[in-house]
Amino acid sequence: MSFQTDQSHHSHPSTLSTVADRRGRAVALAHAAPRTGPARLLVAVLAALATLAATLLLGIGGAAPAQAHDRIVSTDPADGAQLDTAPAALTMTFSTEPLAVEPQVVVTDAAGTVVAQGSPTIEGTSATFPWPAELTGDTYTIAWRVVSSDGHPIEGTFSFAVAAAPEPAAPVATDEPAVVTPSATEDTTEATTAAASDASDATDDEARSIVPLLVGLAVLAAAAVVVAVLIVRRRQQQQD
């Protein structure tokens, strides 16, 4: 009988230990539970910020190569100009200085016949090609090609018309000296308007390219404020 009594006496502490362990685990879980909600929310917010930042970087990085190439700003004569006299030269102005690597100009008349071609002179952001004096009284298309400052070739076309030279008047027998009517000068109004329009388009493109970046920064700033508020509230709860 004493043996059985001793055996039941030794089993009692083991039962108490098990109950204490379970109670300790419950208390630990109760203290850990409040931390689970804010922690998961903080991780979710940080993940969203990382995704947004990656999206913005990819969007800006994808747009940058498209804007890297040089572009033509204006031409003289302007595209579609109607000239009374032939120009002294063709001038093409670019956004940045192109490379002097085999630039080309090809001039064709209204019938599509090549009437002049050669390499323009690169000076700063301009490429200049001398106009053949014998080319008058027709509509001409100019095809140009240069190498952009980033090493990529760019090309384009523009056209203008030159009025036919007036036939010389038959001499009139008179004692008074003949009056010579000066020829009209080249109309450059269209070239100026085209250059101003291209400059305005360039300003609008730059403004639109900045908008996604500003929006992304605003979103990141708002998310950072939310995270800061969550952290402050969490610390206040821990102190309480």
C-alpha atoms as a PDB file:
ATOM      1  CA  MET A   1       0.000   0.000   0.000  1.00  0.00           C
ATOM      2  CA  SER A   2       2.844   2.391   0.740  1.00  0.00           C
ATOM      3  CA  PHE A   3       4.280   1.752  -2.709  1.00  0.00           C
ATOM      4  CA  GLN A   4       1.026   2.729  -4.386  1.00  0.00           C
ATOM      5  CA  THR A   5       0.745   5.846  -2.256  1.00  0.00           C
ATOM      6  CA  ASP A   6       4.250   6.937  -3.193  1.00  0.00           C
ATOM      7  CA  GLN A   7       3.512   6.372  -6.871  1.00  0.00           C
ATOM      8  CA  SER A   8       0.402   8.618  -6.811  1.00  0.00           C
ATOM      9  CA  HIS A   9       2.364  11.243  -4.853  1.00  0.00           C
ATOM     10  CA  HIS A  10       5.064  11.420  -7.537  1.00  0.00           C
ATOM     11  CA  SER A  11       2.540  11.775 -10.437  1.00  0.00           C
ATOM     12  CA  HIS A  12       0.880  14.924  -8.988  1.00  0.00           C
ATOM     13  CA  PRO A  13       3.755  17.413  -9.717  1.00  0.00           C
ATOM     14  CA  SER A  14       3.869  16.251 -13.359  1.00  0.00           C
ATOM     15  CA  THR A  15       0.194  17.196 -13.831  1.00  0.00           C
ATOM     16  CA  LEU A  16       0.730  20.623 -12.287  1.00  0.00           C
ATOM     17  CA  SER A  17       3.735  21.206 -14.549  1.00  0.00           C
ATOM     18  CA  THR A  18       1.679  20.410 -17.657  1.00  0.00           C
ATOM     19  CA  VAL A  19      -1.074  22.827 -16.629  1.00  0.00           C
ATOM     20  CA  ALA A  20       1.512  25.546 -15.934  1.00  0.00           C
ATOM     21  CA  ASP A  21       3.131  25.008 -19.315  1.00  0.00           C
ATOM     22  CA  ARG A  22      -0.183  25.318 -21.135  1.00  0.00           C
ATOM     23  CA  ARG A  23      -1.081  28.446 -19.196  1.00  0.00           C
ATOM     24  CA  GLY A  24       2.311  29.968 -20.002  1.00  0.00           C
ATOM     25  CA  ARG A  25       1.858  29.251 -23.711  1.00  0.00           C
ATOM     26  CA  ALA A  26      -1.605  30.836 -23.683  1.00  0.00           C
ATOM     27  CA  VAL A  27      -0.230  33.977 -22.023  1.00  0.00           C
ATOM     28  CA  ALA A  28       2.607  34.147 -24.554  1.00  0.00           C
ATOM     29  CA  LEU A  29       0.178  33.798 -27.441  1.00  0.00           C
ATOM     30  CA  ALA A  30      -2.073  36.465 -25.937  1.00  0.00           C
ATOM     31  CA  HIS A  31       0.859  38.888 -25.778  1.00  0.00           C
ATOM     32  CA  ALA A  32       1.980  38.009 -29.320  1.00  0.00           C
ATOM     33  CA  ALA A  33      -1.477  38.228 -30.940  1.00  0.00           C
ATOM     34  CA  PRO A  34      -1.774  42.040 -30.945  1.00  0.00           C
ATOM     35  CA  ARG A  35       1.549  42.268 -32.736  1.00  0.00           C
ATOM     36  CA  THR A  36       0.414  40.099 -35.601  1.00  0.00           C
ATOM     37  CA  GLY A  37      -2.126  42.539 -37.117  1.00  0.00           C
ATOM     38  CA  PRO A  38       0.065  45.703 -37.333  1.00  0.00           C
ATOM     39  CA  ALA A  39       3.083  43.670 -38.418  1.00  0.00           C
ATOM     40  CA  ARG A  40       1.195  42.143 -41.308  1.00  0.00           C
ATOM     41  CA  LEU A  41      -0.214  45.564 -42.254  1.00  0.00           C
ATOM     42  CA  LEU A  42       3.266  47.106 -42.189  1.00  0.00           C
ATOM     43  CA  VAL A  43       4.646  44.328 -44.393  1.00  0.00           C
ATOM     44  CA  ALA A  44       1.746  44.771 -46.833  1.00  0.00           C
ATOM     45  CA  VAL A  45       2.298  48.547 -47.030  1.00  0.00           C
ATOM     46  CA  LEU A  46       6.044  48.114 -47.610  1.00  0.00           C
ATOM     47  CA  ALA A  47       5.373  45.525 -50.319  1.00  0.00           C
ATOM     48  CA  ALA A  48       2.939  47.910 -52.039  1.00  0.00           C
ATOM     49  CA  LEU A  49       5.519  50.703 -51.892  1.00  0.00           C
ATOM     50  CA  ALA A  50       8.164  48.460 -53.407  1.00  0.00           C
ATOM     51  CA  THR A  51       5.809  47.421 -56.220  1.00  0.00           C
ATOM     52  CA  LEU A  52       4.866  51.038 -56.934  1.00  0.00           C
ATOM     53  CA  ALA A  53       8.500  52.160 -56.970  1.00  0.00           C
ATOM     54  CA  ALA A  54       9.451  49.340 -59.348  1.00  0.00           C
ATOM     55  CA  THR A  55       6.555  50.231 -61.661  1.00  0.00           C
ATOM     56  CA  LEU A  56       7.573  53.898 -61.756  1.00  0.00           C
ATOM     57  CA  LEU A  57      11.205  53.039 -62.424  1.00  0.00           C
ATOM     58  CA  LEU A  58      10.260  50.702 -65.260  1.00  0.00           C
ATOM     59  CA  GLY A  59       7.917  53.304 -66.756  1.00  0.00           C
ATOM     60  CA  ILE A  60      10.505  56.081 -66.602  1.00  0.00           C
ATOM     61  CA  GLY A  61      13.274  53.767 -67.808  1.00  0.00           C
ATOM     62  CA  GLY A  62      11.138  52.635 -70.755  1.00  0.00           C
ATOM     63  CA  ALA A  63      10.332  56.201 -71.740  1.00  0.00           C
ATOM     64  CA  ALA A  64      13.892  57.470 -71.549  1.00  0.00           C
ATOM     65  CA  PRO A  65      15.295  55.627 -74.639  1.00  0.00           C
ATOM     66  CA  ALA A  66      12.451  56.978 -76.771  1.00  0.00           C
ATOM     67  CA  GLN A  67      13.449  60.515 -75.845  1.00  0.00           C
ATOM     68  CA  ALA A  68      17.186  59.966 -76.149  1.00  0.00           C
ATOM     69  CA  HIS A  69      17.480  60.463 -79.925  1.00  0.00           C
ATOM     70  CA  ASP A  70      17.967  63.889 -81.441  1.00  0.00           C
ATOM     71  CA  ARG A  71      15.004  65.346 -83.313  1.00  0.00           C
ATOM     72  CA  ILE A  72      14.659  68.011 -85.957  1.00  0.00           C
ATOM     73  CA  VAL A  73      13.444  71.349 -84.589  1.00  0.00           C
ATOM     74  CA  SER A  74      12.960  73.398 -87.773  1.00  0.00           C
ATOM     75  CA  THR A  75      13.864  73.667 -91.445  1.00  0.00           C
ATOM     76  CA  ASP A  76      14.579  76.663 -93.653  1.00  0.00           C
ATOM     77  CA  PRO A  77      12.656  76.804 -95.964  1.00  0.00           C
ATOM     78  CA  ALA A  78       9.811  75.528 -93.821  1.00  0.00           C
ATOM     79  CA  ASP A  79       7.849  72.453 -94.835  1.00  0.00           C
ATOM     80  CA  GLY A  80       5.129  73.499 -97.304  1.00  0.00           C
ATOM     81  CA  ALA A  81       6.555  76.982 -97.926  1.00  0.00           C
ATOM     82  CA  GLN A  82       5.728  78.818-101.167  1.00  0.00           C
ATOM     83  CA  LEU A  83       8.776  80.823-102.245  1.00  0.00           C
ATOM     84  CA  ASP A  84       9.009  83.515-104.893  1.00  0.00           C
ATOM     85  CA  THR A  85      12.722  82.883-105.360  1.00  0.00           C
ATOM     86  CA  ALA A  86      14.978  79.917-104.740  1.00  0.00           C
ATOM     87  CA  PRO A  87      16.692  79.787-101.323  1.00  0.00           C
ATOM     88  CA  ALA A  88      20.443  80.246-100.990  1.00  0.00           C
ATOM     89  CA  ALA A  89      20.727  77.033 -98.947  1.00  0.00           C
ATOM     90  CA  LEU A  90      18.790  74.390 -97.058  1.00  0.00           C
ATOM     91  CA  THR A  91      19.163  74.519 -93.267  1.00  0.00           C
ATOM     92  CA  MET A  92      17.989  71.841 -90.838  1.00  0.00           C
ATOM     93  CA  THR A  93      18.188  72.563 -87.101  1.00  0.00           C
ATOM     94  CA  PHE A  94      18.188  69.730 -84.540  1.00  0.00           C
ATOM     95  CA  SER A  95      17.568  69.540 -80.799  1.00  0.00           C
ATOM     96  CA  THR A  96      21.216  68.647 -80.127  1.00  0.00           C
ATOM     97  CA  GLU A  97      24.368  68.553 -82.228  1.00  0.00           C
ATOM     98  CA  PRO A  98      24.348  65.551 -84.616  1.00  0.00           C
ATOM     99  CA  LEU A  99      27.486  63.623 -85.445  1.00  0.00           C
ATOM    100  CA  ALA A 100      29.341  64.536 -88.643  1.00  0.00           C
ATOM    101  CA  VAL A 101      29.115  60.929 -89.875  1.00  0.00           C
ATOM    102  CA  GLU A 102      28.012  60.669 -93.526  1.00  0.00           C
ATOM    103  CA  PRO A 103      25.093  63.117 -93.416  1.00  0.00           C
ATOM    104  CA  GLN A 104      23.016  63.003 -96.607  1.00  0.00           C
ATOM    105  CA  VAL A 105      20.584  65.270 -98.483  1.00  0.00           C
ATOM    106  CA  VAL A 106      18.674  64.179-101.604  1.00  0.00           C
ATOM    107  CA  VAL A 107      16.557  66.694-103.572  1.00  0.00           C
ATOM    108  CA  THR A 108      13.839  65.483-105.967  1.00  0.00           C
ATOM    109  CA  ASP A 109      11.516  67.529-108.156  1.00  0.00           C
ATOM    110  CA  ALA A 110       7.749  67.129-108.657  1.00  0.00           C
ATOM    111  CA  ALA A 111       8.321  64.264-111.118  1.00  0.00           C
ATOM    112  CA  GLY A 112      10.401  62.350-108.532  1.00  0.00           C
ATOM    113  CA  THR A 113      13.689  62.904-110.372  1.00  0.00           C
ATOM    114  CA  VAL A 114      16.772  63.363-108.224  1.00  0.00           C
ATOM    115  CA  VAL A 115      18.074  66.837-109.120  1.00  0.00           C
ATOM    116  CA  ALA A 116      20.674  67.290-106.378  1.00  0.00           C
ATOM    117  CA  GLN A 117      22.285  65.299-103.593  1.00  0.00           C
ATOM    118  CA  GLY A 118      25.283  65.492-101.305  1.00  0.00           C
ATOM    119  CA  SER A 119      26.517  65.868 -97.744  1.00  0.00           C
ATOM    120  CA  PRO A 120      25.389  68.881 -95.714  1.00  0.00           C
ATOM    121  CA  THR A 121      27.806  70.742 -93.449  1.00  0.00           C
ATOM    122  CA  ILE A 122      27.310  70.120 -89.724  1.00  0.00           C
ATOM    123  CA  GLU A 123      27.851  73.231 -87.615  1.00  0.00           C
ATOM    124  CA  GLY A 124      26.590  72.996 -84.049  1.00  0.00           C
ATOM    125  CA  THR A 125      22.967  71.878 -84.129  1.00  0.00           C
ATOM    126  CA  SER A 126      22.494  72.848 -87.810  1.00  0.00           C
ATOM    127  CA  ALA A 127      23.089  70.970 -91.065  1.00  0.00           C
ATOM    128  CA  THR A 128      23.397  73.219 -94.156  1.00  0.00           C
ATOM    129  CA  PHE A 129      23.245  72.208 -97.825  1.00  0.00           C
ATOM    130  CA  PRO A 130      23.854  74.780-100.609  1.00  0.00           C
ATOM    131  CA  TRP A 131      20.943  75.158-103.035  1.00  0.00           C
ATOM    132  CA  PRO A 132      21.791  74.730-106.731  1.00  0.00           C
ATOM    133  CA  ALA A 133      21.137  78.089-108.445  1.00  0.00           C
ATOM    134  CA  GLU A 134      19.599  76.463-111.526  1.00  0.00           C
ATOM    135  CA  LEU A 135      16.736  74.824-109.605  1.00  0.00           C
ATOM    136  CA  THR A 136      13.720  77.132-109.880  1.00  0.00           C
ATOM    137  CA  GLY A 137      10.045  76.984-110.784  1.00  0.00           C
ATOM    138  CA  ASP A 138       9.052  73.612-109.273  1.00  0.00           C
ATOM    139  CA  THR A 139       8.060  71.772-106.111  1.00  0.00           C
ATOM    140  CA  TYR A 140      10.973  70.073-104.386  1.00  0.00           C
ATOM    141  CA  THR A 141      11.137  67.340-101.764  1.00  0.00           C
ATOM    142  CA  ILE A 142      14.203  67.141 -99.542  1.00  0.00           C
ATOM    143  CA  ALA A 143      15.090  63.854 -97.868  1.00  0.00           C
ATOM    144  CA  TRP A 144      17.713  64.177 -95.126  1.00  0.00           C
ATOM    145  CA  ARG A 145      19.612  61.735 -92.953  1.00  0.00           C
ATOM    146  CA  VAL A 146      22.047  62.404 -90.087  1.00  0.00           C
ATOM    147  CA  VAL A 147      23.522  60.414 -87.213  1.00  0.00           C
ATOM    148  CA  SER A 148      22.125  61.403 -83.819  1.00  0.00           C
ATOM    149  CA  SER A 149      24.481  62.375 -81.000  1.00  0.00           C
ATOM    150  CA  ASP A 150      23.707  59.000 -79.364  1.00  0.00           C
ATOM    151  CA  GLY A 151      24.937  57.164 -82.481  1.00  0.00           C
ATOM    152  CA  HIS A 152      21.556  56.263 -84.001  1.00  0.00           C
ATOM    153  CA  PRO A 153      20.673  57.497 -87.510  1.00  0.00           C
ATOM    154  CA  ILE A 154      17.593  59.705 -87.866  1.00  0.00           C
ATOM    155  CA  GLU A 155      15.959  60.854 -91.097  1.00  0.00           C
ATOM    156  CA  GLY A 156      12.985  62.704 -92.500  1.00  0.00           C
ATOM    157  CA  THR A 157      11.612  64.761 -95.385  1.00  0.00           C
ATOM    158  CA  PHE A 158      10.148  68.196 -96.072  1.00  0.00           C
ATOM    159  CA  SER A 159       9.086  70.004 -99.237  1.00  0.00           C
ATOM    160  CA  PHE A 160       8.525  73.495-100.593  1.00  0.00           C
ATOM    161  CA  ALA A 161       7.702  75.187-103.911  1.00  0.00           C
ATOM    162  CA  VAL A 162       9.660  77.813-105.843  1.00  0.00           C
ATOM    163  CA  ALA A 163       7.872  80.093-108.277  1.00  0.00           C
ATOM    164  CA  ALA A 164       9.046  80.116-111.878  1.00  0.00           C
ATOM    165  CA  ALA A 165      11.373  82.947-112.784  1.00  0.00           C
ATOM    166  CA  PRO A 166       9.542  85.679-114.727  1.00  0.00           C
ATOM    167  CA  GLU A 167      10.412  86.010-118.389  1.00  0.00           C
ATOM    168  CA  PRO A 168      12.378  89.137-119.230  1.00  0.00           C
ATOM    169  CA  ALA A 169      10.202  91.898-120.630  1.00  0.00           C
ATOM    170  CA  ALA A 170      10.702  92.946-124.228  1.00  0.00           C
ATOM    171  CA  PRO A 171      12.627  96.217-124.509  1.00  0.00           C
ATOM    172  CA  VAL A 172      10.475  99.253-125.195  1.00  0.00           C
ATOM    173  CA  ALA A 173      11.802 102.059-127.362  1.00  0.00           C
ATOM    174  CA  THR A 174      11.557 105.118-125.213  1.00  0.00           C
ATOM    175  CA  ASP A 175      13.692 107.961-124.139  1.00  0.00           C
ATOM    176  CA  GLU A 176      12.917 107.333-120.494  1.00  0.00           C
ATOM    177  CA  PRO A 177      15.155 104.925-118.599  1.00  0.00           C
ATOM    178  CA  ALA A 178      13.653 101.529-117.996  1.00  0.00           C
ATOM    179  CA  VAL A 179      12.287 100.938-114.526  1.00  0.00           C
ATOM    180  CA  VAL A 180      13.366  97.681-113.029  1.00  0.00           C
ATOM    181  CA  THR A 181      10.942  96.149-110.532  1.00  0.00           C
ATOM    182  CA  PRO A 182      12.842  94.497-107.697  1.00  0.00           C
ATOM    183  CA  SER A 183      12.028  90.868-107.134  1.00  0.00           C
ATOM    184  CA  ALA A 184      10.055  89.926-104.039  1.00  0.00           C
ATOM    185  CA  THR A 185      12.055  88.635-101.118  1.00  0.00           C
ATOM    186  CA  GLU A 186      11.650  85.169 -99.668  1.00  0.00           C
ATOM    187  CA  ASP A 187       8.692  84.728 -97.382  1.00  0.00           C
ATOM    188  CA  THR A 188      10.065  83.483 -94.051  1.00  0.00           C
ATOM    189  CA  THR A 189       6.894  83.865 -91.994  1.00  0.00           C
ATOM    190  CA  GLU A 190       5.998  80.173 -92.302  1.00  0.00           C
ATOM    191  CA  ALA A 191       9.492  79.095 -91.250  1.00  0.00           C
ATOM    192  CA  THR A 192       9.274  81.242 -88.096  1.00  0.00           C
ATOM    193  CA  THR A 193       5.798  79.906 -87.236  1.00  0.00           C
ATOM    194  CA  ALA A 194       6.919  76.300 -87.716  1.00  0.00           C
ATOM    195  CA  ALA A 195       9.962  76.807 -85.483  1.00  0.00           C
ATOM    196  CA  ALA A 196       7.825  78.359 -82.708  1.00  0.00           C
ATOM    197  CA  SER A 197       5.316  75.493 -82.939  1.00  0.00           C
ATOM    198  CA  ASP A 198       8.062  72.850 -82.710  1.00  0.00           C
ATOM    199  CA  ALA A 199       9.595  74.612 -79.697  1.00  0.00           C
ATOM    200  CA  SER A 200       6.172  74.662 -77.975  1.00  0.00           C
ATOM    201  CA  ASP A 201       5.699  70.914 -78.678  1.00  0.00           C
ATOM    202  CA  ALA A 202       9.121  70.172 -77.163  1.00  0.00           C
ATOM    203  CA  THR A 203       8.161  72.070 -73.961  1.00  0.00           C
ATOM    204  CA  ASP A 204       4.846  70.136 -73.698  1.00  0.00           C
ATOM    205  CA  ASP A 205       6.657  66.778 -74.152  1.00  0.00           C
ATOM    206  CA  GLU A 206       9.102  67.583 -71.350  1.00  0.00           C
ATOM    207  CA  ALA A 207       6.252  68.639 -69.023  1.00  0.00           C
ATOM    208  CA  ARG A 208       4.315  65.414 -69.706  1.00  0.00           C
ATOM    209  CA  SER A 209       7.421  63.279 -69.081  1.00  0.00           C
ATOM    210  CA  ILE A 210       7.742  64.773 -65.548  1.00  0.00           C
ATOM    211  CA  VAL A 211       4.092  64.141 -64.560  1.00  0.00           C
ATOM    212  CA  PRO A 212       4.463  60.348 -63.857  1.00  0.00           C
ATOM    213  CA  LEU A 213       7.487  61.021 -61.658  1.00  0.00           C
ATOM    214  CA  LEU A 214       5.666  63.716 -59.638  1.00  0.00           C
ATOM    215  CA  VAL A 215       2.633  61.451 -59.163  1.00  0.00           C
ATOM    216  CA  GLY A 216       4.851  58.587 -58.014  1.00  0.00           C
ATOM    217  CA  LEU A 217       6.675  60.800 -55.512  1.00  0.00           C
ATOM    218  CA  ALA A 218       3.342  62.019 -54.114  1.00  0.00           C
ATOM    219  CA  VAL A 219       2.099  58.422 -53.662  1.00  0.00           C
ATOM    220  CA  LEU A 220       5.353  57.387 -51.987  1.00  0.00           C
ATOM    221  CA  ALA A 221       5.170  60.364 -49.623  1.00  0.00           C
ATOM    222  CA  ALA A 222       1.566  59.541 -48.645  1.00  0.00           C
ATOM    223  CA  ALA A 223       2.442  55.894 -48.035  1.00  0.00           C
ATOM    224  CA  ALA A 224       5.424  56.918 -45.903  1.00  0.00           C
ATOM    225  CA  VAL A 225       3.111  59.051 -43.729  1.00  0.00           C
ATOM    226  CA  VAL A 226       0.757  56.071 -43.276  1.00  0.00           C
ATOM    227  CA  VAL A 227       3.638  53.821 -42.217  1.00  0.00           C
ATOM    228  CA  ALA A 228       4.920  56.450 -39.773  1.00  0.00           C
ATOM    229  CA  VAL A 229       1.447  56.791 -38.171  1.00  0.00           C
ATOM    230  CA  LEU A 230       1.174  53.006 -37.784  1.00  0.00           C
ATOM    231  CA  ILE A 231       4.591  52.808 -36.122  1.00  0.00           C
ATOM    232  CA  VAL A 232       3.753  55.637 -33.680  1.00  0.00           C
ATOM    233  CA  ARG A 233       0.422  54.030 -32.729  1.00  0.00           C
ATOM    234  CA  ARG A 234       2.134  50.671 -32.225  1.00  0.00           C
ATOM    235  CA  ARG A 235       4.684  52.199 -29.888  1.00  0.00           C
ATOM    236  CA  GLN A 236       1.949  53.954 -27.912  1.00  0.00           C
ATOM    237  CA  GLN A 237       0.076  50.654 -27.534  1.00  0.00           C
ATOM    238  CA  GLN A 238       3.254  48.950 -26.275  1.00  0.00           C
ATOM    239  CA  GLN A 239       3.837  51.737 -23.740  1.00  0.00           C
ATOM    240  CA  ASP A 240       0.228  51.502 -22.524  1.00  0.00           C
END
